Amino acid sequence: MNKEDILAKSRQENKNRDVAEISQTKDASRFAIILSLVFYCIYSMLALFADKPFNSGVSAIETCVIFAVYLHKSIKTRKNEHILCAVLMGVAFLMFSFVAIIELFQ
C-alpha cells in the first residue's frame, strides 16, 4: 500500500473526521457524563437534606445515560465487564423508569 491508499482508508474509517476532532468529541462526552453525575449527586443530597421525596425521574435519566455508554462499549468491545455493566445499568434504568411513571400518574 502506498501513502495515498493508507490515507484514503484512514479517512474512510474515521468518516472524514480529523483524529483531533474525534478526541475532542470523546473528551466532551466524558465531561458531560461526569458533570451530569455530579449534578445528580448534589440534587439527591439536597433532596435528602430537605426531607423531600426521592425523584425517580432524575435517576431514570441519569441511569439511561450511563446505560447508553456501557451498551455502546459492550457492542464495540464485547468485554464481559462492559456487558455486565450494561445489563446492570439497563435493569436500574428500567426500575427507575417504572417507578417514575407510576409516580407521575399518582
PDB file of N, CA and C in Angstrom:
ATOM      1  N   MET A   1       0.835  -1.189   0.000  1.00  0.00           N
ATOM      2  CA  MET A   1       0.000   0.000   0.000  1.00  0.00           C
ATOM      3  C   MET A   1       0.876   1.248   0.000  1.00  0.00           C
ATOM      4  N   ASN A   2       0.492   2.188  -0.824  1.00  0.00           N
ATOM      5  CA  ASN A   2       1.235   3.434  -0.812  1.00  0.00           C
ATOM      6  C   ASN A   2       0.582   4.419   0.152  1.00  0.00           C
ATOM      7  N   LYS A   3       1.190   5.556   0.281  1.00  0.00           N
ATOM      8  CA  LYS A   3       0.756   6.561   1.251  1.00  0.00           C
ATOM      9  C   LYS A   3      -0.675   7.028   0.993  1.00  0.00           C
ATOM     10  N   GLU A   4      -1.035   7.230  -0.251  1.00  0.00           N
ATOM     11  CA  GLU A   4      -2.376   7.707  -0.594  1.00  0.00           C
ATOM     12  C   GLU A   4      -3.452   6.674  -0.245  1.00  0.00           C
ATOM     13  N   ASP A   5      -3.149   5.404  -0.459  1.00  0.00           N
ATOM     14  CA  ASP A   5      -4.108   4.345  -0.109  1.00  0.00           C
ATOM     15  C   ASP A   5      -4.340   4.291   1.397  1.00  0.00           C
ATOM     16  N   ILE A   6      -3.270   4.431   2.148  1.00  0.00           N
ATOM     17  CA  ILE A   6      -3.379   4.406   3.609  1.00  0.00           C
ATOM     18  C   ILE A   6      -4.192   5.600   4.097  1.00  0.00           C
ATOM     19  N   LEU A   7      -3.930   6.776   3.556  1.00  0.00           N
ATOM     20  CA  LEU A   7      -4.684   7.968   3.942  1.00  0.00           C
ATOM     21  C   LEU A   7      -6.165   7.845   3.576  1.00  0.00           C
ATOM     22  N   ALA A   8      -6.449   7.302   2.403  1.00  0.00           N
ATOM     23  CA  ALA A   8      -7.840   7.129   1.981  1.00  0.00           C
ATOM     24  C   ALA A   8      -8.572   6.151   2.900  1.00  0.00           C
ATOM     25  N   LYS A   9      -7.896   5.067   3.265  1.00  0.00           N
ATOM     26  CA  LYS A   9      -8.507   4.087   4.163  1.00  0.00           C
ATOM     27  C   LYS A   9      -8.740   4.699   5.543  1.00  0.00           C
ATOM     28  N   SER A  10      -7.791   5.484   6.026  1.00  0.00           N
ATOM     29  CA  SER A  10      -7.927   6.136   7.326  1.00  0.00           C
ATOM     30  C   SER A  10      -9.097   7.117   7.326  1.00  0.00           C
ATOM     31  N   ARG A  11      -9.234   7.887   6.254  1.00  0.00           N
ATOM     32  CA  ARG A  11     -10.349   8.837   6.149  1.00  0.00           C
ATOM     33  C   ARG A  11     -11.687   8.110   6.134  1.00  0.00           C
ATOM     34  N   GLN A  12     -11.718   6.988   5.432  1.00  0.00           N
ATOM     35  CA  GLN A  12     -12.952   6.213   5.357  1.00  0.00           C
ATOM     36  C   GLN A  12     -13.323   5.649   6.726  1.00  0.00           C
ATOM     37  N   GLU A  13     -12.343   5.146   7.464  1.00  0.00           N
ATOM     38  CA  GLU A  13     -12.600   4.585   8.787  1.00  0.00           C
ATOM     39  C   GLU A  13     -13.033   5.661   9.772  1.00  0.00           C
ATOM     40  N   ASN A  14     -12.477   6.846   9.651  1.00  0.00           N
ATOM     41  CA  ASN A  14     -12.800   7.938  10.567  1.00  0.00           C
ATOM     42  C   ASN A  14     -13.931   8.823  10.053  1.00  0.00           C
ATOM     43  N   LYS A  15     -14.591   8.401   8.982  1.00  0.00           N
ATOM     44  CA  LYS A  15     -15.724   9.124   8.404  1.00  0.00           C
ATOM     45  C   LYS A  15     -15.366  10.571   8.089  1.00  0.00           C
ATOM     46  N   ASN A  16     -14.209  10.750   7.503  1.00  0.00           N
ATOM     47  CA  ASN A  16     -13.708  12.069   7.091  1.00  0.00           C
ATOM     48  C   ASN A  16     -13.572  13.050   8.254  1.00  0.00           C
ATOM     49  N   ARG A  17     -13.394  12.538   9.467  1.00  0.00           N
ATOM     50  CA  ARG A  17     -13.174  13.409  10.621  1.00  0.00           C
ATOM     51  C   ARG A  17     -11.716  13.322  11.030  1.00  0.00           C
ATOM     52  N   ASP A  18     -11.241  14.416  11.521  1.00  0.00           N
ATOM     53  CA  ASP A  18      -9.873  14.506  11.995  1.00  0.00           C
ATOM     54  C   ASP A  18      -9.747  13.752  13.320  1.00  0.00           C
ATOM     55  N   VAL A  19      -8.585  13.182  13.569  1.00  0.00           N
ATOM     56  CA  VAL A  19      -8.350  12.461  14.822  1.00  0.00           C
ATOM     57  C   VAL A  19      -8.503  13.390  16.019  1.00  0.00           C
ATOM     58  N   ALA A  20      -8.068  14.621  15.889  1.00  0.00           N
ATOM     59  CA  ALA A  20      -8.219  15.598  16.979  1.00  0.00           C
ATOM     60  C   ALA A  20      -9.689  15.881  17.254  1.00  0.00           C
ATOM     61  N   GLU A  21     -10.503  15.953  16.217  1.00  0.00           N
ATOM     62  CA  GLU A  21     -11.938  16.188  16.388  1.00  0.00           C
ATOM     63  C   GLU A  21     -12.600  15.006  17.093  1.00  0.00           C
ATOM     64  N   ILE A  22     -12.207  13.805  16.733  1.00  0.00           N
ATOM     65  CA  ILE A  22     -12.742  12.607  17.389  1.00  0.00           C
ATOM     66  C   ILE A  22     -12.366  12.613  18.863  1.00  0.00           C
ATOM     67  N   SER A  23     -11.124  12.959  19.167  1.00  0.00           N
ATOM     68  CA  SER A  23     -10.666  13.013  20.546  1.00  0.00           C
ATOM     69  C   SER A  23     -11.420  14.083  21.334  1.00  0.00           C
ATOM     70  N   GLN A  24     -11.657  15.238  20.738  1.00  0.00           N
ATOM     71  CA  GLN A  24     -12.407  16.306  21.409  1.00  0.00           C
ATOM     72  C   GLN A  24     -13.832  15.870  21.706  1.00  0.00           C
ATOM     73  N   THR A  25     -14.444  15.165  20.766  1.00  0.00           N
ATOM     74  CA  THR A  25     -15.811  14.688  20.972  1.00  0.00           C
ATOM     75  C   THR A  25     -15.872  13.683  22.112  1.00  0.00           C
ATOM     76  N   LYS A  26     -14.902  12.784  22.177  1.00  0.00           N
ATOM     77  CA  LYS A  26     -14.853  11.812  23.274  1.00  0.00           C
ATOM     78  C   LYS A  26     -14.650  12.505  24.609  1.00  0.00           C
ATOM     79  N   ASP A  27     -13.745  13.474  24.644  1.00  0.00           N
ATOM     80  CA  ASP A  27     -13.489  14.215  25.884  1.00  0.00           C
ATOM     81  C   ASP A  27     -14.735  14.993  26.326  1.00  0.00           C
ATOM     82  N   ALA A  28     -15.429  15.599  25.367  1.00  0.00           N
ATOM     83  CA  ALA A  28     -16.645  16.349  25.693  1.00  0.00           C
ATOM     84  C   ALA A  28     -17.725  15.413  26.234  1.00  0.00           C
ATOM     85  N   SER A  29     -17.817  14.227  25.672  1.00  0.00           N
ATOM     86  CA  SER A  29     -18.806  13.255  26.150  1.00  0.00           C
ATOM     87  C   SER A  29     -18.491  12.813  27.575  1.00  0.00           C
ATOM     88  N   ARG A  30     -17.230  12.537  27.836  1.00  0.00           N
ATOM     89  CA  ARG A  30     -16.826  12.155  29.200  1.00  0.00           C
ATOM     90  C   ARG A  30     -17.138  13.277  30.194  1.00  0.00           C
ATOM     91  N   PHE A  31     -16.812  14.504  29.821  1.00  0.00           N
ATOM     92  CA  PHE A  31     -17.070  15.646  30.689  1.00  0.00           C
ATOM     93  C   PHE A  31     -18.569  15.792  30.962  1.00  0.00           C
ATOM     94  N   ALA A  32     -19.392  15.622  29.930  1.00  0.00           N
ATOM     95  CA  ALA A  32     -20.836  15.746  30.099  1.00  0.00           C
ATOM     96  C   ALA A  32     -21.376  14.682  31.050  1.00  0.00           C
ATOM     97  N   ILE A  33     -20.878  13.468  30.932  1.00  0.00           N
ATOM     98  CA  ILE A  33     -21.332  12.393  31.816  1.00  0.00           C
ATOM     99  C   ILE A  33     -20.908  12.662  33.247  1.00  0.00           C
ATOM    100  N   ILE A  34     -19.674  13.071  33.435  1.00  0.00           N
ATOM    101  CA  ILE A  34     -19.184  13.371  34.791  1.00  0.00           C
ATOM    102  C   ILE A  34     -19.975  14.524  35.401  1.00  0.00           C
ATOM    103  N   LEU A  35     -20.206  15.571  34.624  1.00  0.00           N
ATOM    104  CA  LEU A  35     -20.959  16.721  35.116  1.00  0.00           C
ATOM    105  C   LEU A  35     -22.390  16.322  35.482  1.00  0.00           C
ATOM    106  N   SER A  36     -23.012  15.488  34.672  1.00  0.00           N
ATOM    107  CA  SER A  36     -24.382  15.072  34.986  1.00  0.00           C
ATOM    108  C   SER A  36     -24.417  14.195  36.234  1.00  0.00           C
ATOM    109  N   LEU A  37     -23.396  13.364  36.442  1.00  0.00           N
ATOM    110  CA  LEU A  37     -23.323  12.572  37.671  1.00  0.00           C
ATOM    111  C   LEU A  37     -23.131  13.452  38.900  1.00  0.00           C
ATOM    112  N   VAL A  38     -22.311  14.475  38.776  1.00  0.00           N
ATOM    113  CA  VAL A  38     -22.106  15.403  39.887  1.00  0.00           C
ATOM    114  C   VAL A  38     -23.413  16.130  40.210  1.00  0.00           C
ATOM    115  N   PHE A  39     -24.103  16.594  39.187  1.00  0.00           N
ATOM    116  CA  PHE A  39     -25.389  17.255  39.407  1.00  0.00           C
ATOM    117  C   PHE A  39     -26.381  16.302  40.066  1.00  0.00           C
ATOM    118  N   TYR A  40     -26.432  15.070  39.592  1.00  0.00           N
ATOM    119  CA  TYR A  40     -27.341  14.070  40.165  1.00  0.00           C
ATOM    120  C   TYR A  40     -27.036  13.844  41.647  1.00  0.00           C
ATOM    121  N   CYS A  41     -25.756  13.723  41.988  1.00  0.00           N
ATOM    122  CA  CYS A  41     -25.373  13.519  43.397  1.00  0.00           C
ATOM    123  C   CYS A  41     -25.745  14.725  44.253  1.00  0.00           C
ATOM    124  N   ILE A  42     -25.454  15.925  43.768  1.00  0.00           N
ATOM    125  CA  ILE A  42     -25.787  17.135  44.524  1.00  0.00           C
ATOM    126  C   ILE A  42     -27.302  17.257  44.697  1.00  0.00           C
ATOM    127  N   TYR A  43     -28.042  17.034  43.626  1.00  0.00           N
ATOM    128  CA  TYR A  43     -29.501  17.125  43.684  1.00  0.00           C
ATOM    129  C   TYR A  43     -30.080  16.096  44.658  1.00  0.00           C
ATOM    130  N   SER A  44     -29.564  14.882  44.606  1.00  0.00           N
ATOM    131  CA  SER A  44     -30.057  13.830  45.508  1.00  0.00           C
ATOM    132  C   SER A  44     -29.751  14.161  46.961  1.00  0.00           C
ATOM    133  N   MET A  45     -28.557  14.673  47.234  1.00  0.00           N
ATOM    134  CA  MET A  45     -28.209  15.053  48.604  1.00  0.00           C
ATOM    135  C   MET A  45     -29.074  16.213  49.095  1.00  0.00           C
ATOM    136  N   LEU A  46     -29.312  17.207  48.260  1.00  0.00           N
ATOM    137  CA  LEU A  46     -30.165  18.333  48.650  1.00  0.00           C
ATOM    138  C   LEU A  46     -31.594  17.863  48.928  1.00  0.00           C
ATOM    139  N   ALA A  47     -32.099  16.964  48.105  1.00  0.00           N
ATOM    140  CA  ALA A  47     -33.443  16.422  48.334  1.00  0.00           C
ATOM    141  C   ALA A  47     -33.487  15.643  49.639  1.00  0.00           C
ATOM    142  N   LEU A  48     -32.420  14.922  49.932  1.00  0.00           N
ATOM    143  CA  LEU A  48     -32.353  14.160  51.181  1.00  0.00           C
ATOM    144  C   LEU A  48     -32.331  15.104  52.383  1.00  0.00           C
ATOM    145  N   PHE A  49     -31.495  16.141  52.327  1.00  0.00           N
ATOM    146  CA  PHE A  49     -31.392  17.095  53.428  1.00  0.00           C
ATOM    147  C   PHE A  49     -32.664  17.924  53.592  1.00  0.00           C
ATOM    148  N   ALA A  50     -33.358  18.189  52.491  1.00  0.00           N
ATOM    149  CA  ALA A  50     -34.592  18.974  52.545  1.00  0.00           C
ATOM    150  C   ALA A  50     -35.788  18.103  52.933  1.00  0.00           C
ATOM    151  N   ASP A  51     -35.546  16.822  53.133  1.00  0.00           N
ATOM    152  CA  ASP A  51     -36.585  15.869  53.528  1.00  0.00           C
ATOM    153  C   ASP A  51     -37.685  15.794  52.473  1.00  0.00           C
ATOM    154  N   LYS A  52     -37.285  15.832  51.217  1.00  0.00           N
ATOM    155  CA  LYS A  52     -38.213  15.725  50.091  1.00  0.00           C
ATOM    156  C   LYS A  52     -38.136  14.308  49.526  1.00  0.00           C
ATOM    157  N   PRO A  53     -39.175  13.887  48.817  1.00  0.00           N
ATOM    158  CA  PRO A  53     -39.144  12.528  48.257  1.00  0.00           C
ATOM    159  C   PRO A  53     -38.091  12.390  47.157  1.00  0.00           C
ATOM    160  N   PHE A  54     -37.624  11.182  47.026  1.00  0.00           N
ATOM    161  CA  PHE A  54     -36.618  10.850  46.017  1.00  0.00           C
ATOM    162  C   PHE A  54     -37.228  11.000  44.635  1.00  0.00           C
ATOM    163  N   ASN A  55     -36.538  11.646  43.713  1.00  0.00           N
ATOM    164  CA  ASN A  55     -37.040  11.870  42.365  1.00  0.00           C
ATOM    165  C   ASN A  55     -36.553  10.757  41.443  1.00  0.00           C
ATOM    166  N   SER A  56     -37.429   9.834  41.138  1.00  0.00           N
ATOM    167  CA  SER A  56     -37.065   8.698  40.295  1.00  0.00           C
ATOM    168  C   SER A  56     -36.853   9.104  38.840  1.00  0.00           C
ATOM    169  N   GLY A  57     -37.486  10.190  38.411  1.00  0.00           N
ATOM    170  CA  GLY A  57     -37.318  10.650  37.036  1.00  0.00           C
ATOM    171  C   GLY A  57     -35.892  11.070  36.743  1.00  0.00           C
ATOM    172  N   VAL A  58     -35.306  11.808  37.665  1.00  0.00           N
ATOM    173  CA  VAL A  58     -33.913  12.235  37.501  1.00  0.00           C
ATOM    174  C   VAL A  58     -32.998  11.012  37.504  1.00  0.00           C
ATOM    175  N   SER A  59     -33.286  10.066  38.378  1.00  0.00           N
ATOM    176  CA  SER A  59     -32.490   8.837  38.433  1.00  0.00           C
ATOM    177  C   SER A  59     -32.619   8.043  37.142  1.00  0.00           C
ATOM    178  N   ALA A  60     -33.822   7.995  36.576  1.00  0.00           N
ATOM    179  CA  ALA A  60     -34.027   7.281  35.317  1.00  0.00           C
ATOM    180  C   ALA A  60     -33.222   7.911  34.189  1.00  0.00           C
ATOM    181  N   ILE A  61     -33.205   9.225  34.143  1.00  0.00           N
ATOM    182  CA  ILE A  61     -32.447   9.920  33.095  1.00  0.00           C
ATOM    183  C   ILE A  61     -30.961   9.648  33.244  1.00  0.00           C
ATOM    184  N   GLU A  62     -30.462   9.741  34.461  1.00  0.00           N
ATOM    185  CA  GLU A  62     -29.021   9.538  34.697  1.00  0.00           C
ATOM    186  C   GLU A  62     -28.612   8.094  34.393  1.00  0.00           C
ATOM    187  N   THR A  63     -29.413   7.147  34.844  1.00  0.00           N
ATOM    188  CA  THR A  63     -29.065   5.750  34.561  1.00  0.00           C
ATOM    189  C   THR A  63     -29.196   5.435  33.073  1.00  0.00           C
ATOM    190  N   CYS A  64     -30.086   6.135  32.394  1.00  0.00           N
ATOM    191  CA  CYS A  64     -30.203   5.950  30.940  1.00  0.00           C
ATOM    192  C   CYS A  64     -28.921   6.372  30.230  1.00  0.00           C
ATOM    193  N   VAL A  65     -28.348   7.488  30.661  1.00  0.00           N
ATOM    194  CA  VAL A  65     -27.098   7.967  30.059  1.00  0.00           C
ATOM    195  C   VAL A  65     -25.969   6.963  30.288  1.00  0.00           C
ATOM    196  N   ILE A  66     -25.851   6.488  31.523  1.00  0.00           N
ATOM    197  CA  ILE A  66     -24.779   5.538  31.834  1.00  0.00           C
ATOM    198  C   ILE A  66     -25.025   4.210  31.125  1.00  0.00           C
ATOM    199  N   PHE A  67     -26.285   3.791  31.055  1.00  0.00           N
ATOM    200  CA  PHE A  67     -26.628   2.572  30.325  1.00  0.00           C
ATOM    201  C   PHE A  67     -26.221   2.689  28.858  1.00  0.00           C
ATOM    202  N   ALA A  68     -26.495   3.837  28.248  1.00  0.00           N
ATOM    203  CA  ALA A  68     -26.146   4.035  26.843  1.00  0.00           C
ATOM    204  C   ALA A  68     -24.642   3.946  26.617  1.00  0.00           C
ATOM    205  N   VAL A  69     -23.871   4.503  27.547  1.00  0.00           N
ATOM    206  CA  VAL A  69     -22.407   4.448  27.430  1.00  0.00           C
ATOM    207  C   VAL A  69     -21.924   3.000  27.480  1.00  0.00           C
ATOM    208  N   TYR A  70     -22.393   2.250  28.479  1.00  0.00           N
ATOM    209  CA  TYR A  70     -21.931   0.867  28.613  1.00  0.00           C
ATOM    210  C   TYR A  70     -22.492  -0.030  27.525  1.00  0.00           C
ATOM    211  N   LEU A  71     -23.681   0.259  27.022  1.00  0.00           N
ATOM    212  CA  LEU A  71     -24.217  -0.514  25.903  1.00  0.00           C
ATOM    213  C   LEU A  71     -23.346  -0.322  24.669  1.00  0.00           C
ATOM    214  N   HIS A  72     -22.959   0.921  24.417  1.00  0.00           N
ATOM    215  CA  HIS A  72     -22.084   1.199  23.274  1.00  0.00           C
ATOM    216  C   HIS A  72     -20.735   0.507  23.445  1.00  0.00           C
ATOM    217  N   LYS A  73     -20.171   0.603  24.657  1.00  0.00           N
ATOM    218  CA  LYS A  73     -18.880  -0.050  24.913  1.00  0.00           C
ATOM    219  C   LYS A  73     -18.981  -1.559  24.746  1.00  0.00           C
ATOM    220  N   SER A  74     -20.060  -2.152  25.240  1.00  0.00           N
ATOM    221  CA  SER A  74     -20.185  -3.609  25.159  1.00  0.00           C
ATOM    222  C   SER A  74     -20.374  -4.066  23.719  1.00  0.00           C
ATOM    223  N   ILE A  75     -21.065  -3.280  22.910  1.00  0.00           N
ATOM    224  CA  ILE A  75     -21.223  -3.631  21.498  1.00  0.00           C
ATOM    225  C   ILE A  75     -19.894  -3.529  20.765  1.00  0.00           C
ATOM    226  N   LYS A  76     -19.135  -2.473  21.057  1.00  0.00           N
ATOM    227  CA  LYS A  76     -17.863  -2.260  20.366  1.00  0.00           C
ATOM    228  C   LYS A  76     -16.763  -3.216  20.824  1.00  0.00           C
ATOM    229  N   THR A  77     -16.659  -3.456  22.145  1.00  0.00           N
ATOM    230  CA  THR A  77     -15.516  -4.226  22.649  1.00  0.00           C
ATOM    231  C   THR A  77     -15.836  -5.679  22.970  1.00  0.00           C
ATOM    232  N   ARG A  78     -17.102  -5.969  23.248  1.00  0.00           N
ATOM    233  CA  ARG A  78     -17.538  -7.314  23.631  1.00  0.00           C
ATOM    234  C   ARG A  78     -16.826  -7.837  24.884  1.00  0.00           C
ATOM    235  N   LYS A  79     -16.400  -6.912  25.745  1.00  0.00           N
ATOM    236  CA  LYS A  79     -15.773  -7.309  27.003  1.00  0.00           C
ATOM    237  C   LYS A  79     -16.852  -7.655  28.018  1.00  0.00           C
ATOM    238  N   ASN A  80     -16.578  -8.692  28.809  1.00  0.00           N
ATOM    239  CA  ASN A  80     -17.561  -9.161  29.776  1.00  0.00           C
ATOM    240  C   ASN A  80     -17.928  -8.096  30.799  1.00  0.00           C
ATOM    241  N   GLU A  81     -16.940  -7.309  31.257  1.00  0.00           N
ATOM    242  CA  GLU A  81     -17.245  -6.291  32.259  1.00  0.00           C
ATOM    243  C   GLU A  81     -18.143  -5.193  31.700  1.00  0.00           C
ATOM    244  N   HIS A  82     -17.988  -4.856  30.431  1.00  0.00           N
ATOM    245  CA  HIS A  82     -18.854  -3.850  29.828  1.00  0.00           C
ATOM    246  C   HIS A  82     -20.262  -4.398  29.628  1.00  0.00           C
ATOM    247  N   ILE A  83     -20.348  -5.657  29.245  1.00  0.00           N
ATOM    248  CA  ILE A  83     -21.661  -6.290  29.081  1.00  0.00           C
ATOM    249  C   ILE A  83     -22.383  -6.353  30.418  1.00  0.00           C
ATOM    250  N   LEU A  84     -21.664  -6.750  31.473  1.00  0.00           N
ATOM    251  CA  LEU A  84     -22.255  -6.821  32.798  1.00  0.00           C
ATOM    252  C   LEU A  84     -22.741  -5.448  33.260  1.00  0.00           C
ATOM    253  N   CYS A  85     -21.917  -4.419  33.081  1.00  0.00           N
ATOM    254  CA  CYS A  85     -22.316  -3.056  33.471  1.00  0.00           C
ATOM    255  C   CYS A  85     -23.522  -2.586  32.655  1.00  0.00           C
ATOM    256  N   ALA A  86     -23.545  -2.921  31.369  1.00  0.00           N
ATOM    257  CA  ALA A  86     -24.688  -2.544  30.528  1.00  0.00           C
ATOM    258  C   ALA A  86     -25.963  -3.216  31.022  1.00  0.00           C
ATOM    259  N   VAL A  87     -25.880  -4.493  31.366  1.00  0.00           N
ATOM    260  CA  VAL A  87     -27.062  -5.207  31.868  1.00  0.00           C
ATOM    261  C   VAL A  87     -27.526  -4.601  33.191  1.00  0.00           C
ATOM    262  N   LEU A  88     -26.593  -4.365  34.113  1.00  0.00           N
ATOM    263  CA  LEU A  88     -26.954  -3.811  35.415  1.00  0.00           C
ATOM    264  C   LEU A  88     -27.554  -2.409  35.289  1.00  0.00           C
ATOM    265  N   MET A  89     -26.942  -1.580  34.464  1.00  0.00           N
ATOM    266  CA  MET A  89     -27.470  -0.225  34.291  1.00  0.00           C
ATOM    267  C   MET A  89     -28.796  -0.250  33.541  1.00  0.00           C
ATOM    268  N   GLY A  90     -28.970  -1.203  32.628  1.00  0.00           N
ATOM    269  CA  GLY A  90     -30.250  -1.351  31.936  1.00  0.00           C
ATOM    270  C   GLY A  90     -31.364  -1.725  32.899  1.00  0.00           C
ATOM    271  N   VAL A  91     -31.065  -2.641  33.811  1.00  0.00           N
ATOM    272  CA  VAL A  91     -32.052  -3.033  34.826  1.00  0.00           C
ATOM    273  C   VAL A  91     -32.368  -1.850  35.737  1.00  0.00           C
ATOM    274  N   ALA A  92     -31.347  -1.121  36.167  1.00  0.00           N
ATOM    275  CA  ALA A  92     -31.567   0.053  37.016  1.00  0.00           C
ATOM    276  C   ALA A  92     -32.403   1.103  36.277  1.00  0.00           C
ATOM    277  N   PHE A  93     -32.098   1.313  35.010  1.00  0.00           N
ATOM    278  CA  PHE A  93     -32.859   2.267  34.205  1.00  0.00           C
ATOM    279  C   PHE A  93     -34.329   1.857  34.120  1.00  0.00           C
ATOM    280  N   LEU A  94     -34.577   0.575  33.863  1.00  0.00           N
ATOM    281  CA  LEU A  94     -35.965   0.104  33.781  1.00  0.00           C
ATOM    282  C   LEU A  94     -36.694   0.258  35.117  1.00  0.00           C
ATOM    283  N   MET A  95     -36.014  -0.039  36.214  1.00  0.00           N
ATOM    284  CA  MET A  95     -36.643   0.098  37.533  1.00  0.00           C
ATOM    285  C   MET A  95     -36.972   1.554  37.842  1.00  0.00           C
ATOM    286  N   PHE A  96     -35.998   2.451  37.662  1.00  0.00           N
ATOM    287  CA  PHE A  96     -36.242   3.867  37.930  1.00  0.00           C
ATOM    288  C   PHE A  96     -37.324   4.426  36.999  1.00  0.00           C
ATOM    289  N   SER A  97     -37.320   3.997  35.745  1.00  0.00           N
ATOM    290  CA  SER A  97     -38.332   4.463  34.797  1.00  0.00           C
ATOM    291  C   SER A  97     -39.720   3.999  35.217  1.00  0.00           C
ATOM    292  N   PHE A  98     -39.824   2.745  35.622  1.00  0.00           N
ATOM    293  CA  PHE A  98     -41.095   2.190  36.064  1.00  0.00           C
ATOM    294  C   PHE A  98     -41.637   2.973  37.262  1.00  0.00           C
ATOM    295  N   VAL A  99     -40.784   3.204  38.248  1.00  0.00           N
ATOM    296  CA  VAL A  99     -41.212   3.946  39.440  1.00  0.00           C
ATOM    297  C   VAL A  99     -41.572   5.384  39.074  1.00  0.00           C
ATOM    298  N   ALA A 100     -40.800   6.001  38.208  1.00  0.00           N
ATOM    299  CA  ALA A 100     -41.073   7.396  37.806  1.00  0.00           C
ATOM    300  C   ALA A 100     -42.408   7.499  37.100  1.00  0.00           C
ATOM    301  N   ILE A 101     -42.736   6.533  36.256  1.00  0.00           N
ATOM    302  CA  ILE A 101     -44.020   6.565  35.536  1.00  0.00           C
ATOM    303  C   ILE A 101     -45.176   6.345  36.508  1.00  0.00           C
ATOM    304  N   ILE A 102     -44.983   5.434  37.464  1.00  0.00           N
ATOM    305  CA  ILE A 102     -46.021   5.221  38.475  1.00  0.00           C
ATOM    306  C   ILE A 102     -46.229   6.494  39.287  1.00  0.00           C
ATOM    307  N   GLU A 103     -45.128   7.145  39.719  1.00  0.00           N
ATOM    308  CA  GLU A 103     -45.243   8.387  40.499  1.00  0.00           C
ATOM    309  C   GLU A 103     -45.891   9.492  39.693  1.00  0.00           C
ATOM    310  N   LEU A 104     -45.674   9.487  38.399  1.00  0.00           N
ATOM    311  CA  LEU A 104     -46.234  10.521  37.535  1.00  0.00           C
ATOM    312  C   LEU A 104     -47.755  10.479  37.519  1.00  0.00           C
ATOM    313  N   PHE A 105     -48.321   9.286  37.571  1.00  0.00           N
ATOM    314  CA  PHE A 105     -49.760   9.148  37.477  1.00  0.00           C
ATOM    315  C   PHE A 105     -50.464   8.967  38.819  1.00  0.00           C
ATOM    316  N   GLN A 106     -49.778   9.157  39.922  1.00  0.00           N
ATOM    317  CA  GLN A 106     -50.407   9.078  41.240  1.00  0.00           C
ATOM    318  C   GLN A 106     -50.925  10.417  41.679  1.00  0.00           C
TER     319      GLN A 106
END
